[in-house]
């Protein structure tokens, strides 16, 4: 059964070259959405875009910069004429270290992608939606780390708290435009970001994390994408400013 109000719309998905972004691009394409797949790695974005059955383009862009953000919005408008949906998803996981061992460069990079990048995306896309006369839906990818503290995440936790705060402010600012802005807060998801942590620390890190997951397993990327697509659809027409967890029960424990 298809979701209401998605067919024929135009979406931007950042971080679309892998993980949750790629899964969202696929789900939206299945719903008849035209998709701009954005990733720092243009080759990864192209691989996802060419795999989709519907209309899609690939854009290589750094979401933490104004020029990169402006470029992916401009490319989408040039290709499809407008922007209706936005999965503001690109993120950087960083390294799991105590605060006193974290470099300033690592902190700045994490904040630049996860918070500044979200702000830049919201500013550019909402500006475009306003110019179009309003209407649309945005979903930011936050994290359960945006709702609670995790040891060793001295940059990631505040960056995702910032994403949650930006979501709430944007929802209020954009309400007169008839644009809804929500956030998803994933828990432990099988993505390249998680694999990077495993490669750095070892597979035992997942076993430790799973002890905190009532569901007893990792999520698959498509399970997050399903929620993102629903939040973008007309079926979520009264959901605005929400931070919706998709974490197997971590935040309830």
Protein backbone atom coordinates (compact mmCIF):
# COMPACT_ATOMS: atom_id res chain seq x y z
CA UNK A 1 0.00 0.00 0.00
CA UNK A 2 1.45 3.34 -1.02
CA UNK A 3 1.64 6.39 1.21
CA UNK A 4 -0.66 9.31 0.48
CA UNK A 5 0.67 12.50 -1.05
CA UNK A 6 4.14 11.42 -2.17
CA UNK A 7 3.70 10.44 -5.82
CA UNK A 8 5.13 13.07 -8.16
CA UNK A 9 6.88 15.06 -5.44
CA UNK A 10 10.56 16.11 -5.54
CA UNK A 11 12.89 15.18 -2.68
CA UNK A 12 16.46 15.91 -1.63
CA UNK A 13 18.21 13.25 0.45
CA UNK A 14 21.60 14.18 1.91
CA UNK A 15 23.97 11.45 2.94
CA UNK A 16 22.14 9.48 0.29
CA UNK A 17 25.11 7.45 -0.88
CA UNK A 18 24.77 4.81 1.83
CA UNK A 19 22.96 3.71 4.97
CA UNK A 20 19.73 5.38 5.99
CA UNK A 21 19.96 8.01 3.27
CA UNK A 22 20.23 5.42 0.52
CA UNK A 23 17.34 3.47 2.04
CA UNK A 24 15.20 6.62 2.14
CA UNK A 25 16.06 7.44 -1.48
CA UNK A 26 14.93 3.95 -2.49
CA UNK A 27 11.71 4.09 -0.48
CA UNK A 28 10.77 7.51 -1.80
CA UNK A 29 11.53 6.44 -5.36
CA UNK A 30 9.23 3.44 -4.88
CA UNK A 31 6.53 5.93 -3.85
CA UNK A 32 6.89 7.82 -7.14
CA UNK A 33 9.10 10.62 -5.80
CA UNK A 34 11.81 12.25 -7.92
CA UNK A 35 14.98 12.12 -5.86
CA UNK A 36 18.19 14.15 -5.69
CA UNK A 37 20.73 11.89 -4.00
CA UNK A 38 23.38 14.05 -2.30
CA UNK A 39 26.61 12.78 -0.81
CA UNK A 40 30.14 14.01 -0.19
CA UNK A 41 31.20 10.98 -2.26
CA UNK A 42 29.69 11.72 -5.65
CA UNK A 43 30.45 8.21 -6.92
CA UNK A 44 28.36 6.72 -4.10
CA UNK A 45 25.52 9.13 -4.85
CA UNK A 46 25.64 8.15 -8.53
CA UNK A 47 25.55 4.47 -7.67
CA UNK A 48 22.39 4.91 -5.62
CA UNK A 49 20.74 7.28 -8.10
CA UNK A 50 21.30 4.94 -11.06
CA UNK A 51 19.86 2.03 -9.06
CA UNK A 52 16.51 3.76 -8.60
CA UNK A 53 13.63 2.97 -10.91
CA UNK A 54 12.26 6.51 -10.99
CA UNK A 55 13.71 9.90 -11.89
CA UNK A 56 16.86 10.64 -9.89
CA UNK A 57 20.02 12.71 -10.00
CA UNK A 58 23.27 12.48 -8.06
CA UNK A 59 24.98 15.50 -6.54
CA UNK A 60 28.38 15.55 -4.89
CA UNK A 61 28.37 18.20 -2.16
CA UNK A 62 29.79 19.05 1.26
CA UNK A 63 26.72 19.76 3.41
CA UNK A 64 28.79 21.61 6.01
CA UNK A 65 29.48 24.49 3.61
CA UNK A 66 27.21 27.18 2.21
CA UNK A 67 28.48 26.56 -1.32
CA UNK A 68 27.86 22.83 -1.06
CA UNK A 69 24.37 23.35 0.29
CA UNK A 70 23.47 25.92 -2.34
CA UNK A 71 24.79 23.59 -5.04
CA UNK A 72 22.57 20.64 -4.14
CA UNK A 73 19.46 22.80 -3.90
CA UNK A 74 20.25 24.49 -7.21
CA UNK A 75 20.93 21.15 -8.93
CA UNK A 76 17.60 19.78 -7.71
CA UNK A 77 15.66 22.81 -8.93
CA UNK A 78 17.46 22.74 -12.28
CA UNK A 79 16.60 19.06 -12.75
CA UNK A 80 13.07 18.93 -11.37
CA UNK A 81 11.84 22.52 -11.02
CA UNK A 82 11.13 22.55 -7.29
CA UNK A 83 11.74 20.98 -3.87
CA UNK A 84 8.86 19.43 -1.90
CA UNK A 85 10.57 17.03 0.50
CA UNK A 86 13.91 17.06 2.31
CA UNK A 87 15.64 14.33 4.27
CA UNK A 88 18.35 16.33 6.05
CA UNK A 89 20.31 13.20 6.85
CA UNK A 90 24.06 13.55 6.25
CA UNK A 91 26.05 12.91 9.40
CA UNK A 92 29.48 12.23 10.85
CA UNK A 93 29.93 9.75 13.69
CA UNK A 94 33.42 10.63 14.83
CA UNK A 95 35.38 8.58 17.31
CA UNK A 96 34.39 7.13 20.67
CA UNK A 97 36.83 8.78 23.12
CA UNK A 98 36.67 10.58 26.47
CA UNK A 99 36.31 14.35 26.19
CA UNK A 100 39.82 14.95 27.45
CA UNK A 101 41.21 12.89 24.58
CA UNK A 102 39.13 14.54 21.85
CA UNK A 103 40.84 17.02 19.56
CA UNK A 104 39.32 20.40 18.82
CA UNK A 105 39.46 19.47 15.12
CA UNK A 106 37.33 16.37 15.75
CA UNK A 107 34.78 18.36 17.74
CA UNK A 108 34.57 21.06 15.08
CA UNK A 109 34.17 18.55 12.24
CA UNK A 110 31.35 16.74 14.03
CA UNK A 111 29.49 19.95 14.79
CA UNK A 112 30.08 21.25 11.26
CA UNK A 113 28.35 18.28 9.63
CA UNK A 114 25.73 17.31 12.21
CA UNK A 115 24.58 20.74 13.40
CA UNK A 116 25.83 23.42 11.01
CA UNK A 117 24.99 21.19 8.05
CA UNK A 118 21.46 20.70 9.33
CA UNK A 119 21.07 24.46 9.79
CA UNK A 120 22.41 25.23 6.33
CA UNK A 121 20.11 22.66 4.77
CA UNK A 122 17.07 23.98 6.61
CA UNK A 123 17.89 27.56 5.66
CA UNK A 124 18.37 26.81 1.97
CA UNK A 125 15.47 24.40 1.50
CA UNK A 126 12.98 26.42 3.55
CA UNK A 127 14.01 29.49 1.57
CA UNK A 128 13.24 27.62 -1.63
CA UNK A 129 9.92 26.31 -0.28
CA UNK A 130 8.95 29.84 0.74
CA UNK A 131 9.76 31.10 -2.77
CA UNK A 132 7.54 28.37 -4.19
CA UNK A 133 4.61 29.57 -2.10
CA UNK A 134 4.98 27.15 0.78
CA UNK A 135 4.07 23.54 1.40
CA UNK A 136 6.36 20.61 1.99
CA UNK A 137 7.87 18.32 4.58
CA UNK A 138 11.32 18.01 6.10
CA UNK A 139 12.78 15.22 8.22
CA UNK A 140 16.09 15.73 10.01
CA UNK A 141 18.12 12.74 11.14
CA UNK A 142 18.97 13.21 14.80
CA UNK A 143 19.72 10.25 17.07
CA UNK A 144 18.90 8.79 20.46
CA UNK A 145 22.17 10.57 21.27
CA UNK A 146 20.20 13.77 20.74
CA UNK A 147 17.95 12.79 23.64
CA UNK A 148 20.41 11.34 26.12
CA UNK A 149 24.12 11.24 26.89
CA UNK A 150 26.47 8.48 25.75
CA UNK A 151 29.98 8.19 27.19
CA UNK A 152 32.70 8.90 24.66
CA UNK A 153 30.44 11.02 22.45
CA UNK A 154 31.56 14.47 23.56
CA UNK A 155 30.97 15.89 20.10
CA UNK A 156 28.29 13.60 18.64
CA UNK A 157 25.87 14.00 21.55
CA UNK A 158 25.83 17.83 21.55
CA UNK A 159 25.72 17.87 17.74
CA UNK A 160 22.58 15.74 17.73
CA UNK A 161 21.03 17.70 20.59
CA UNK A 162 21.57 20.70 18.33
CA UNK A 163 19.78 18.90 15.51
CA UNK A 164 16.78 18.27 17.78
CA UNK A 165 16.72 21.95 18.80
CA UNK A 166 16.93 23.12 15.21
CA UNK A 167 14.05 20.81 14.31
CA UNK A 168 11.78 22.37 16.92
CA UNK A 169 12.65 25.96 15.98
CA UNK A 170 12.28 25.24 12.26
CA UNK A 171 8.89 23.62 12.84
CA UNK A 172 7.64 26.80 14.49
CA UNK A 173 9.23 29.12 11.94
CA UNK A 174 7.94 27.12 8.97
CA UNK A 175 4.41 26.45 10.19
CA UNK A 176 3.02 29.59 8.48
CA UNK A 177 4.53 28.25 5.24
CA UNK A 178 2.60 24.99 5.67
CA UNK A 179 5.90 23.12 5.89
CA UNK A 180 6.21 20.42 8.54
CA UNK A 181 9.61 19.76 10.13
CA UNK A 182 10.25 16.64 12.20
CA UNK A 183 13.22 14.57 13.33
CA UNK A 184 13.86 10.86 13.55
CA UNK A 185 16.05 9.58 16.38
CA UNK A 186 17.51 6.23 15.35
CA UNK A 187 19.26 3.93 17.78
CA UNK A 188 21.62 1.15 16.74
CA UNK A 189 21.32 0.82 12.96
CA UNK A 190 23.36 -1.40 10.62
CA UNK A 191 25.07 1.28 8.52
CA UNK A 192 28.58 2.08 7.29
CA UNK A 193 28.87 4.51 10.21
CA UNK A 194 28.32 1.67 12.68
CA UNK A 195 30.71 -0.53 10.73
CA UNK A 196 33.35 2.17 11.04
CA UNK A 197 32.98 2.07 14.80
CA UNK A 198 33.29 -1.72 14.75
CA UNK A 199 36.43 -1.49 12.63
CA UNK A 200 37.92 1.04 15.05
CA UNK A 201 37.05 -0.60 18.38
CA UNK A 202 36.13 -4.18 17.56
CA UNK A 203 32.93 -6.22 17.18
CA UNK A 204 32.50 -6.46 20.95
CA UNK A 205 31.25 -2.84 20.94
CA UNK A 206 28.03 -4.00 19.27
CA UNK A 207 27.50 -6.71 21.88
CA UNK A 208 27.85 -4.08 24.59
CA UNK A 209 25.42 -1.73 22.83
CA UNK A 210 22.89 -4.51 22.24
CA UNK A 211 22.59 -5.07 25.99
CA UNK A 212 20.82 -1.69 26.08
CA UNK A 213 18.37 -2.53 23.27
CA UNK A 214 15.15 -4.16 24.48
CA UNK A 215 14.47 -5.41 20.95
CA UNK A 216 17.73 -7.36 21.15
CA UNK A 217 18.91 -6.52 17.64
CA UNK A 218 20.16 -3.76 15.37
CA UNK A 219 17.76 -1.94 13.07
CA UNK A 220 18.03 -2.22 9.32
CA UNK A 221 18.30 1.03 7.40
CA UNK A 222 14.97 0.47 5.64
CA UNK A 223 13.19 0.47 9.01
CA UNK A 224 14.28 4.06 9.53
CA UNK A 225 13.48 4.94 5.92
CA UNK A 226 9.92 3.68 6.38
CA UNK A 227 9.42 6.16 9.21
CA UNK A 228 10.99 9.01 7.23
CA UNK A 229 8.70 8.35 4.27
CA UNK A 230 5.63 8.26 6.51
CA UNK A 231 6.58 11.55 8.18
CA UNK A 232 6.91 13.12 4.73
CA UNK A 233 3.55 11.80 3.57
CA UNK A 234 0.09 13.32 3.98
CA UNK A 235 -0.66 10.54 6.45
CA UNK A 236 1.45 12.47 8.96
CA UNK A 237 -0.25 15.80 8.16
CA UNK A 238 -0.67 16.77 11.84
CA UNK A 239 2.80 15.71 12.97
CA UNK A 240 5.08 18.72 13.31
CA UNK A 241 8.05 19.53 15.52
CA UNK A 242 8.26 15.94 16.72
CA UNK A 243 11.34 13.89 17.56
CA UNK A 244 10.32 10.33 16.80
CA UNK A 245 12.48 7.49 18.12
CA UNK A 246 13.17 4.38 16.07
CA UNK A 247 15.47 2.62 18.49
CA UNK A 248 14.08 -0.76 19.50
CA UNK A 249 13.09 0.64 22.88
CA UNK A 250 16.44 2.12 24.02
CA UNK A 251 14.92 5.44 25.03
CA UNK A 252 12.15 3.73 27.01
CA UNK A 253 14.52 1.69 29.16
